[in-house]
Every structure is written in structure tokens, then in C-alpha cells.
Protein backbone atom coordinates (compact mmCIF):
# COMPACT_ATOMS: atom_id res chain seq x y z
CA UNK A 1 40.53 44.76 -38.54
CA UNK A 2 40.59 44.55 -34.75
CA UNK A 3 39.69 40.85 -34.88
CA UNK A 4 42.35 40.17 -37.50
CA UNK A 5 44.89 41.74 -35.16
CA UNK A 6 43.60 39.58 -32.30
CA UNK A 7 44.27 36.45 -34.36
CA UNK A 8 47.98 37.05 -33.83
CA UNK A 9 47.53 36.66 -30.06
CA UNK A 10 48.12 33.10 -28.70
CA UNK A 11 44.94 31.00 -28.62
CA UNK A 12 42.55 33.56 -30.08
CA UNK A 13 42.23 31.92 -33.48
CA UNK A 14 41.44 28.44 -32.14
CA UNK A 15 39.50 29.40 -29.01
CA UNK A 16 35.78 28.65 -28.87
CA UNK A 17 35.43 31.87 -26.91
CA UNK A 18 35.77 33.91 -30.12
CA UNK A 19 33.97 31.65 -32.61
CA UNK A 20 30.74 33.65 -32.21
CA UNK A 21 32.52 36.90 -32.94
CA UNK A 22 34.24 35.42 -36.00
CA UNK A 23 30.90 34.12 -37.30
CA UNK A 24 29.24 37.49 -36.71
CA UNK A 25 31.97 39.36 -38.59
CA UNK A 26 31.76 36.98 -41.56
CA UNK A 27 27.98 37.41 -41.73
CA UNK A 28 28.28 41.19 -41.48
CA UNK A 29 30.87 41.25 -44.27
CA UNK A 30 28.68 39.12 -46.55
CA UNK A 31 25.62 41.31 -45.89
CA UNK A 32 27.66 44.46 -46.47
CA UNK A 33 28.99 43.12 -49.77
CA UNK A 34 25.52 42.13 -50.99
CA UNK A 35 24.11 45.50 -49.93
CA UNK A 36 26.93 47.31 -51.76
CA UNK A 37 26.36 45.36 -54.97
CA UNK A 38 22.61 45.96 -54.89
CA UNK A 39 22.57 49.61 -53.85
CA UNK A 40 25.75 51.08 -55.33
CA UNK A 41 23.85 52.63 -58.29
CA UNK A 42 20.72 53.72 -56.44
CA UNK A 43 22.04 54.50 -53.01
CA UNK A 44 19.69 56.58 -50.92
CA UNK A 45 20.54 58.23 -47.61
CA UNK A 46 19.30 56.25 -44.61
CA UNK A 47 16.84 57.74 -42.19
CA UNK A 48 18.21 58.71 -38.80
CA UNK A 49 15.85 56.29 -37.01
CA UNK A 50 17.10 53.43 -39.18
CA UNK A 51 20.71 54.30 -38.40
CA UNK A 52 20.05 54.44 -34.64
CA UNK A 53 18.11 51.17 -34.56
CA UNK A 54 20.76 49.47 -36.69
CA UNK A 55 23.47 50.69 -34.30
CA UNK A 56 21.60 49.45 -31.21
CA UNK A 57 20.90 46.09 -32.84
CA UNK A 58 24.55 45.76 -33.85
CA UNK A 59 25.71 46.47 -30.30
CA UNK A 60 23.32 43.85 -28.86
CA UNK A 61 24.39 41.19 -31.36
CA UNK A 62 28.05 42.03 -30.81
CA UNK A 63 27.63 41.74 -27.03
CA UNK A 64 25.91 38.36 -27.40
CA UNK A 65 28.70 37.07 -29.66
CA UNK A 66 31.25 38.08 -27.04
CA UNK A 67 29.50 36.36 -24.11
CA UNK A 68 31.56 33.14 -24.43
CA UNK A 69 34.75 35.21 -24.14
CA UNK A 70 33.67 36.35 -20.67
CA UNK A 71 31.83 33.20 -19.49
CA UNK A 72 34.22 30.49 -20.72
CA UNK A 73 37.95 30.07 -20.16
CA UNK A 74 40.36 28.36 -22.49
CA UNK A 75 40.86 24.96 -20.88
CA UNK A 76 42.76 21.89 -22.07
CA UNK A 77 42.65 19.84 -18.89
CA UNK A 78 45.14 19.56 -16.05
CA UNK A 79 48.75 18.47 -16.37
CA UNK A 80 48.87 14.68 -16.26
CA UNK A 81 51.33 12.77 -14.07
CA UNK A 82 51.58 9.48 -15.97
CA UNK A 83 54.16 8.39 -18.53
CA UNK A 84 51.76 8.11 -21.47
CA UNK A 85 50.24 10.73 -23.73
CA UNK A 86 46.49 10.26 -24.11
CA UNK A 87 44.35 10.01 -27.22
CA UNK A 88 40.61 10.00 -27.88
CA UNK A 89 38.03 8.28 -30.07
CA UNK A 90 34.25 8.11 -30.07
CA UNK A 91 31.30 6.06 -31.27
CA UNK A 92 27.56 5.68 -30.66
CA UNK A 93 26.00 2.44 -29.41
CA UNK A 94 22.45 1.82 -30.63
CA UNK A 95 20.26 -0.32 -28.38
CA UNK A 96 17.66 -2.02 -30.58
CA UNK A 97 16.01 -3.50 -27.49
CA UNK A 98 14.91 -0.06 -26.27
CA UNK A 99 12.78 2.53 -28.02
CA UNK A 100 13.76 6.14 -27.30
CA UNK A 101 11.06 7.38 -24.91
CA UNK A 102 11.99 11.05 -25.43
CA UNK A 103 10.96 10.79 -29.11
CA UNK A 104 7.77 9.75 -30.89
CA UNK A 105 9.33 8.42 -34.08
CA UNK A 106 10.00 4.86 -32.88
CA UNK A 107 13.77 5.34 -32.97
CA UNK A 108 16.04 3.25 -30.77
CA UNK A 109 17.92 4.47 -27.71
CA UNK A 110 21.41 5.70 -28.64
CA UNK A 111 24.27 6.00 -26.15
CA UNK A 112 27.37 7.95 -27.26
CA UNK A 113 30.66 6.60 -25.87
CA UNK A 114 33.93 8.54 -25.74
CA UNK A 115 37.25 6.71 -25.32
CA UNK A 116 40.36 8.06 -23.55
CA UNK A 117 43.44 5.84 -23.69
CA UNK A 118 47.24 5.84 -24.03
CA UNK A 119 48.21 7.27 -27.40
CA UNK A 120 50.62 4.41 -28.11
CA UNK A 121 47.79 1.89 -27.78
CA UNK A 122 49.35 -0.53 -30.29
CA UNK A 123 52.34 -0.98 -27.99
CA UNK A 124 50.23 -2.61 -25.29
CA UNK A 125 49.69 -6.33 -25.26
CA UNK A 126 46.25 -7.93 -25.44
CA UNK A 127 44.03 -7.59 -22.34
CA UNK A 128 46.56 -5.41 -20.50
CA UNK A 129 44.70 -2.17 -19.67
CA UNK A 130 41.98 -1.92 -17.01
CA UNK A 131 38.69 -0.31 -18.06
CA UNK A 132 36.96 2.56 -16.25
CA UNK A 133 33.47 3.72 -17.29
CA UNK A 134 32.16 7.16 -16.32
CA UNK A 135 28.58 8.51 -16.08
CA UNK A 136 27.95 12.27 -15.91
CA UNK A 137 25.50 14.07 -13.62
CA UNK A 138 22.14 15.68 -14.36
CA UNK A 139 22.47 17.97 -17.40
CA UNK A 140 26.18 17.34 -17.38
CA UNK A 141 27.99 15.91 -20.39
CA UNK A 142 30.72 13.46 -21.22
CA UNK A 143 33.59 15.94 -20.78
CA UNK A 144 32.54 16.98 -17.26
CA UNK A 145 35.59 15.23 -15.74
CA UNK A 146 37.98 15.21 -18.68
CA UNK A 147 40.97 15.89 -16.41
CA UNK A 148 40.17 12.64 -14.56
CA UNK A 149 39.99 10.60 -17.77
CA UNK A 150 43.25 12.12 -19.04
CA UNK A 151 45.04 11.40 -15.77
CA UNK A 152 43.90 7.77 -15.78
CA UNK A 153 44.76 7.31 -19.46
CA UNK A 154 48.26 8.69 -18.82
CA UNK A 155 48.75 5.89 -16.26
CA UNK A 156 47.63 3.07 -18.56
CA UNK A 157 43.84 2.93 -18.28
CA UNK A 158 41.10 2.87 -20.89
CA UNK A 159 38.34 5.28 -19.87
CA UNK A 160 34.91 5.31 -21.52
CA UNK A 161 32.77 8.33 -20.72
CA UNK A 162 29.19 7.86 -21.85
CA UNK A 163 26.48 10.40 -22.57
CA UNK A 164 22.90 9.91 -21.38
CA UNK A 165 20.95 11.65 -24.18
CA UNK A 166 18.24 14.06 -22.95
CA UNK A 167 19.87 13.98 -19.49
CA UNK A 168 23.07 15.34 -21.03
CA UNK A 169 23.39 19.11 -21.57
CA UNK A 170 24.00 18.33 -25.22
CA UNK A 171 25.18 15.45 -27.37
CA UNK A 172 24.76 14.20 -30.94
CA UNK A 173 22.90 11.21 -32.36
CA UNK A 174 23.89 8.97 -35.28
CA UNK A 175 22.27 11.36 -37.79
CA UNK A 176 24.44 14.23 -36.58
CA UNK A 177 21.53 15.98 -34.88
CA UNK A 178 22.35 17.85 -31.67
CA UNK A 179 20.32 16.50 -28.74
CA UNK A 180 19.90 18.98 -25.90
CA UNK A 181 18.74 18.32 -22.35
CA UNK A 182 15.00 17.60 -22.05
CA UNK A 183 13.31 20.70 -20.59
CA UNK A 184 10.96 18.69 -18.36
CA UNK A 185 13.86 16.70 -16.92
CA UNK A 186 15.88 19.89 -16.43
CA UNK A 187 13.11 21.69 -14.55
CA UNK A 188 12.18 18.65 -12.48
CA UNK A 189 15.80 18.00 -11.49
CA UNK A 190 16.08 21.57 -10.21
CA UNK A 191 12.89 21.44 -8.16
CA UNK A 192 12.39 17.81 -7.07
CA UNK A 193 14.22 18.29 -3.78
CA UNK A 194 11.92 21.04 -2.48
CA UNK A 195 10.43 20.35 0.94
CA UNK A 196 6.80 20.21 -0.18
CA UNK A 197 7.27 17.25 -2.55
CA UNK A 198 6.18 13.94 -0.93
CA UNK A 199 8.76 11.14 -0.67
CA UNK A 200 6.59 8.83 -2.77
CA UNK A 201 6.48 11.36 -5.62
CA UNK A 202 10.22 11.97 -5.42
CA UNK A 203 10.85 8.23 -5.56
CA UNK A 204 8.57 7.79 -8.60
CA UNK A 205 10.48 10.53 -10.44
CA UNK A 206 14.02 9.56 -9.52
CA UNK A 207 13.50 5.83 -10.03
CA UNK A 208 12.59 6.50 -13.68
CA UNK A 209 15.78 8.52 -14.08
CA UNK A 210 17.81 5.74 -12.56
CA UNK A 211 16.17 3.02 -14.66
CA UNK A 212 17.15 4.89 -17.83
CA UNK A 213 20.72 5.55 -16.75
CA UNK A 214 21.29 2.07 -15.34
CA UNK A 215 20.07 0.54 -18.60
CA UNK A 216 22.44 2.83 -20.54
CA UNK A 217 25.48 1.81 -18.50
CA UNK A 218 24.62 -1.89 -18.52
CA UNK A 219 24.20 -1.74 -22.29
CA UNK A 220 27.58 -0.07 -22.75
CA UNK A 221 29.34 -2.63 -20.54
CA UNK A 222 27.71 -5.54 -22.37
CA UNK A 223 28.55 -4.16 -25.82
CA UNK A 224 32.15 -3.45 -24.87
CA UNK A 225 32.60 -6.95 -23.46
CA UNK A 226 30.93 -8.50 -26.50
CA UNK A 227 33.30 -6.59 -28.78
CA UNK A 228 36.22 -7.83 -26.68
CA UNK A 229 35.07 -11.46 -26.83
CA UNK A 230 34.22 -11.47 -30.54
CA UNK A 231 37.12 -9.21 -31.55
CA UNK A 232 34.69 -7.30 -33.78
CA UNK A 233 32.28 -4.38 -33.56
CA UNK A 234 28.67 -5.51 -33.87
CA UNK A 235 25.87 -3.78 -35.79
CA UNK A 236 25.09 -1.84 -32.61
CA UNK A 237 28.18 0.30 -33.21
CA UNK A 238 27.96 3.53 -35.19
CA UNK A 239 31.31 5.19 -35.83
CA UNK A 240 33.37 7.24 -38.23
CA UNK A 241 35.50 4.96 -40.37
CA UNK A 242 38.64 6.80 -39.26
CA UNK A 243 37.94 5.72 -35.67
CA UNK A 244 37.15 2.06 -36.36
CA UNK A 245 40.71 0.76 -36.31
CA UNK A 246 41.57 2.84 -33.25
CA UNK A 247 38.54 1.58 -31.32
CA UNK A 248 39.34 -2.02 -32.26
CA UNK A 249 42.92 -1.55 -31.01
CA UNK A 250 41.65 -0.06 -27.75
CA UNK A 251 39.23 -2.92 -27.18
CA UNK A 252 41.93 -5.47 -27.99
CA UNK A 253 44.19 -3.95 -25.32
CA UNK A 254 41.43 -3.74 -22.68
CA UNK A 255 41.24 -6.18 -19.79
CA UNK A 256 37.52 -6.83 -19.32
CA UNK A 257 38.20 -8.78 -16.14
CA UNK A 258 39.20 -5.47 -14.52
CA UNK A 259 36.29 -3.02 -14.83
CA UNK A 260 35.85 0.05 -12.66
CA UNK A 261 32.81 2.32 -12.62
CA UNK A 262 32.50 5.91 -11.51
CA UNK A 263 30.27 8.93 -11.95
CA UNK A 264 29.38 12.35 -10.63
CA UNK A 265 26.05 13.09 -8.91
CA UNK A 266 23.34 11.05 -10.69
CA UNK A 267 26.18 9.37 -12.54
CA UNK A 268 27.70 8.29 -9.23
CA UNK A 269 24.35 6.83 -8.20
CA UNK A 270 24.24 4.97 -11.53
CA UNK A 271 27.74 3.56 -11.03
CA UNK A 272 26.88 2.30 -7.53
CA UNK A 273 23.83 0.29 -8.57
CA UNK A 274 25.41 -1.08 -11.75
CA UNK A 275 28.43 -1.90 -9.58
CA UNK A 276 26.46 -4.78 -8.05
CA UNK A 277 27.20 -6.76 -11.22
CA UNK A 278 29.57 -9.68 -10.66
CA UNK A 279 31.95 -8.45 -13.37
CA UNK A 280 32.65 -5.08 -11.70
CA UNK A 281 35.87 -4.81 -9.68
CA UNK A 282 35.67 -1.32 -8.12
CA UNK A 283 33.24 1.62 -7.91
CA UNK A 284 33.57 5.35 -7.15
CA UNK A 285 30.62 7.61 -6.31
CA UNK A 286 31.57 11.27 -6.70
CA UNK A 287 29.17 13.33 -4.58
CA UNK A 288 26.08 11.40 -5.61
CA UNK A 289 23.08 10.33 -3.55
CA UNK A 290 22.73 6.59 -4.23
CA UNK A 291 19.18 6.83 -5.55
CA UNK A 292 19.38 3.51 -7.39
CA UNK A 293 19.62 1.77 -4.02
CA UNK A 294 16.21 3.08 -2.94
CA UNK A 295 13.66 0.28 -3.39
CA UNK A 296 10.38 2.02 -2.53
CA UNK A 297 8.47 4.12 0.00
CA UNK A 298 6.55 2.67 2.95
CA UNK A 299 4.49 4.93 5.21
CA UNK A 300 6.27 7.96 3.84
CA UNK A 301 9.73 6.51 4.53
CA UNK A 302 12.17 5.43 1.82
CA UNK A 303 13.24 1.77 1.91
CA UNK A 304 16.81 0.96 0.92
CA UNK A 305 18.58 -2.09 -0.43
CA UNK A 306 20.53 -3.56 2.50
CA UNK A 307 22.11 -6.49 0.69
CA UNK A 308 25.91 -6.71 1.07
CA UNK A 309 27.85 -4.62 -1.44
CA UNK A 310 30.60 -6.78 -2.87
CA UNK A 311 32.79 -4.47 -4.97
CA UNK A 312 35.24 -2.09 -3.25
CA UNK A 313 33.39 1.22 -3.02
CA UNK A 314 34.71 4.77 -2.54
CA UNK A 315 32.38 7.71 -1.85
CA UNK A 316 33.74 11.25 -2.30
CA UNK A 317 31.46 14.01 -0.92
CA UNK A 318 31.39 17.75 -0.42
CA UNK A 319 31.21 19.07 3.13
CA UNK A 320 27.45 19.79 3.16
CA UNK A 321 26.73 16.33 1.77
CA UNK A 322 28.88 14.82 4.52
CA UNK A 323 27.02 16.80 7.18
CA UNK A 324 23.65 15.59 5.85
CA UNK A 325 24.83 12.00 6.18
CA UNK A 326 25.78 12.62 9.83
CA UNK A 327 22.40 14.27 10.50
CA UNK A 328 20.64 11.26 8.98
CA UNK A 329 22.41 8.98 11.48
CA UNK A 330 21.66 11.31 14.40
CA UNK A 331 17.97 11.47 13.45
CA UNK A 332 17.71 7.72 12.73
CA UNK A 333 16.83 8.54 9.13
CA UNK A 334 17.61 5.86 6.57
CA UNK A 335 19.88 7.48 3.99
CA UNK A 336 20.97 5.38 1.01
CA UNK A 337 24.67 6.28 1.14
CA UNK A 338 24.93 5.36 4.82
CA UNK A 339 23.14 2.05 4.36
CA UNK A 340 25.18 0.98 1.32
CA UNK A 341 28.53 1.89 2.91
CA UNK A 342 27.59 0.11 6.14
CA UNK A 343 26.86 -3.03 4.13
CA UNK A 344 29.90 -2.78 1.88
CA UNK A 345 32.52 -5.46 2.38
CA UNK A 346 35.15 -2.85 1.45
CA UNK A 347 33.82 0.69 1.74
CA UNK A 348 35.65 4.03 1.98
CA UNK A 349 34.35 7.56 2.40
CA UNK A 350 35.97 10.99 2.40
CA UNK A 351 34.85 14.59 2.00
CA UNK A 352 36.39 17.87 0.86
CA UNK A 353 36.11 20.87 3.16
CA UNK A 354 34.73 24.07 1.61
CA UNK A 355 33.92 22.22 -1.63
CA UNK A 356 30.64 22.50 -3.52
CA UNK A 357 28.95 19.96 -5.76
CA UNK A 358 30.53 21.24 -8.98
CA UNK A 359 34.05 21.35 -7.53
CA UNK A 360 34.27 17.63 -8.33
CA UNK A 361 34.03 18.39 -12.06
CA UNK A 362 36.16 20.49 -14.42
CA UNK A 363 33.41 23.10 -14.83
CA UNK A 364 34.88 25.63 -12.33
CA UNK A 365 38.05 25.61 -14.45
CA UNK A 366 36.11 25.98 -17.70
CA UNK A 367 33.48 28.48 -16.58
CA UNK A 368 33.59 29.76 -12.99
CA UNK A 369 30.44 31.77 -13.67
CA UNK A 370 28.34 28.73 -14.65
CA UNK A 371 29.89 26.57 -11.93
CA UNK A 372 29.01 29.12 -9.23
CA UNK A 373 25.40 29.13 -10.44
CA UNK A 374 25.24 25.34 -10.01
CA UNK A 375 27.13 25.20 -6.70
CA UNK A 376 30.78 25.62 -5.79
CA UNK A 377 32.60 26.27 -2.54
CA UNK A 378 35.55 28.45 -1.55
CA UNK A 379 38.07 25.66 -2.14
CA UNK A 380 40.71 26.23 -4.81
CA UNK A 381 39.19 24.61 -7.91
CA UNK A 382 42.46 23.35 -9.39
CA UNK A 383 43.77 21.96 -6.12
CA UNK A 384 40.45 20.23 -5.43
CA UNK A 385 40.23 18.44 -8.78
CA UNK A 386 43.93 17.47 -8.70
CA UNK A 387 43.60 16.00 -5.21
CA UNK A 388 40.45 14.10 -6.17
CA UNK A 389 42.08 12.74 -9.33
CA UNK A 390 45.03 11.52 -7.26
CA UNK A 391 42.69 9.66 -4.88
CA UNK A 392 40.81 8.09 -7.79
CA UNK A 393 44.07 6.95 -9.41
CA UNK A 394 45.32 5.34 -6.20
CA UNK A 395 41.97 3.58 -5.64
CA UNK A 396 41.94 2.06 -9.11
CA UNK A 397 45.65 1.22 -8.99
CA UNK A 398 44.91 -0.83 -5.88
CA UNK A 399 41.73 -2.59 -6.99
CA UNK A 400 42.17 -2.79 -10.77
CA UNK A 401 45.95 -3.19 -11.03
CA UNK A 402 46.67 -4.78 -7.63
CA UNK A 403 49.32 -2.14 -6.99
CA UNK A 404 49.86 -1.02 -3.40
CA UNK A 405 47.33 -0.61 -0.61
CA UNK A 406 44.62 2.03 -0.61
CA UNK A 407 43.84 4.39 2.23
CA UNK A 408 42.08 7.72 2.31
CA UNK A 409 41.90 10.55 4.81
CA UNK A 410 38.62 11.41 6.52
CA UNK A 411 38.68 14.81 4.83
CA UNK A 412 40.80 17.03 2.61
């Protein structure tokens, strides 16, 4: 009865925060009904111990069902500033040239792709909207920066956020199975930076991560461009029929001569290395160490790719990350971000004071509790993400739309 009353409050009925409680109540009602029908003729009084244990168990289950209500906030993104409403669609790209190494069944690597675009997509002429592709961080997921995608889409961009299965916190494959983050990857990612791990071992681990992610992003770019050139979705595409026409309209309106890449953390590192492709026009690294630019380890020291970086590159860091880059210069330590930016023909860098690593995602606005566990600063979460999204929009407006000149402050 209490829950039924709560349904009249705004948001309660549709909020994921209360889905567990609703499910629990339905199960309890079904069990109670079955128990009544079975025992109504031969009802025996319950023992006191049974009643106590049942009460304790009910309280524990109830508390667990209510956890999302306390850990997660209702969040629908930030208010967008563009003239267009945004819409979404999704598909899965199946790479038959790669076997899924996280499975033993010989299945192919699958890469889910999620589209954000202006809702009135049919009103745009052919090849008119720049494309931005996003890669999430370690055990992140495709919605990690949904406010960024929505903001870009509201200003006339097509954004494709891809999942890296088994690196993503969770995603789904073409059979509908939920794929959660690989436990070995999760544990290694948390501990690989400890001081007692040799550089050579760290490089061996991280280079495998980067190889997987780089291949995912390259595959997505190639399949999107192929669909644009052929004006058809190949056999690599798996989609719901209701999304097919929408996806085809989005691809038809996309300008594949204007491609921007970006990502957070490991995703930023992925974007930087894939950004060396000749068909990439601009790249943003959001608080990521550019691990894909490390080429090996010699005498315990990491070697870094020092070839010129052609595409305009913007690096956005938190304050501690910025300080570590300065320390690397002071100690004559070769740090990938410093080397790449020094060799960029058009490189920008800024940092946010009092920001933590997760402040560059939407997580602090979705679940402050989880975000604090993973690393946030004292900066206002909403102001931080809004400021970052504004910088990203101006960068892409300049280098993908040729609108205005881009400049960025040393810090915010």
C-alpha cells in the first residue's frame, strides 16, 4: 500500500531507483497468494523461530531492494543549449575478422554502437552533419558522458558512443545476453599502477588493452564509412528492425569527411592513437594517459612515439594529472602526453582545478557515492561537466564545422 501511494509522486513509477522494490513486492505477493491457496485448509501456527528468521530475512531483502534509491539519483542529462532536440538509436557491429578472446566458443568480436543525433534527422541534407565517436574508460560504459553527446547532438552533430565488451561495466551482445566487465581486467586495472610493478610488465598489460580498444574503434569507423559509401548496412550490422530506417537516415546525413574522436581515460588514449588516421579531423583526450603512444620499454624506461601528430588535439586533465605532467618534465621523465602534445602540429591542453578523474563523466550526477569511490574532487559536478561540454563543443565547431577560432584557458 505504501508503494502504491508512492507511485503518485513524480518520477517514482518510472525511476530505476525503485524497480527493485517493485519487483520484490510483486514476488512477495505471488508467494503469499500461493501460500494462502495451499495452506488455507490446513494452516498451522508458525514457530517463533521461523517468524523471527523470516522477519530478519525480509528486512535484509527489503534493504537490498532499496539500495538503488539511496545510491542512484534520477538523471536525464544536463539542459542542452542547441536548437535541436536529440534522439537515439543503437546497433551492434560484428567483426568477423576477430575472434572474441574473452570467450572460448569461437564467437566473433561484437562492438555495440549507440547513436545520438538531431531528432529531425530527415530535415538535414546529405553529408551535412559532422561525426564524433566516443570511447569510454576502464569499466565505464557507453552512457558515461551522455550529457556531452546530447549537447553535441543539439548543435547538429552525430555522436556514436561505442562499448568495449568486457572492458565495459555492462553491455549486451547480439543474443541479448548481458556482458559484464571481465573480473581479471577489473582487478588488474585497479592494481596495475602500484609502485612495485615493473615498467615492462605494465607495458605488456596496457598494450594488450590498447590493441583491443584501438581495433574496436578502427572497426567502427570503417563500418560507418562503408555504410556511408554504399548507402546500405552490411552483414556486419545487427539491429532491431525499428532502428534500421533511423540508422540509415543518420548515416545518410553524416559527413564522413569530418570525423572527430574523443574518449575518457583509456577511451581518451584510444582516441589519440586512432586519431593518427588520415581521415580524422580532430581529437579530444579527456583525462587519459596516452598509453597507445607508448612503443616499448628499454632499460626500464618507456619509449614513446615522437612522430608529428597531425590532427588538432585537445587534452583535458584534472589537477593531479596536470601536476604529474609538470613533474615528468622537471625530472626529465618521458611521459606520453607531454611527448605527443610537444609533437602536435596543433595541440591544446587545459586542466580543471579541484577536479577528480570521474568529474569528467556524468557519474557524479548519477551516483555521487560511486563516483567518490572512483575519484572525484571538490569541484561542483554540474558546473564542471557543463564547462567541459562547452569547451568540447567549441573545439569541434572550429575543427569540424570551420566555425570561429578555438582557444582555451590554462585552467578552469
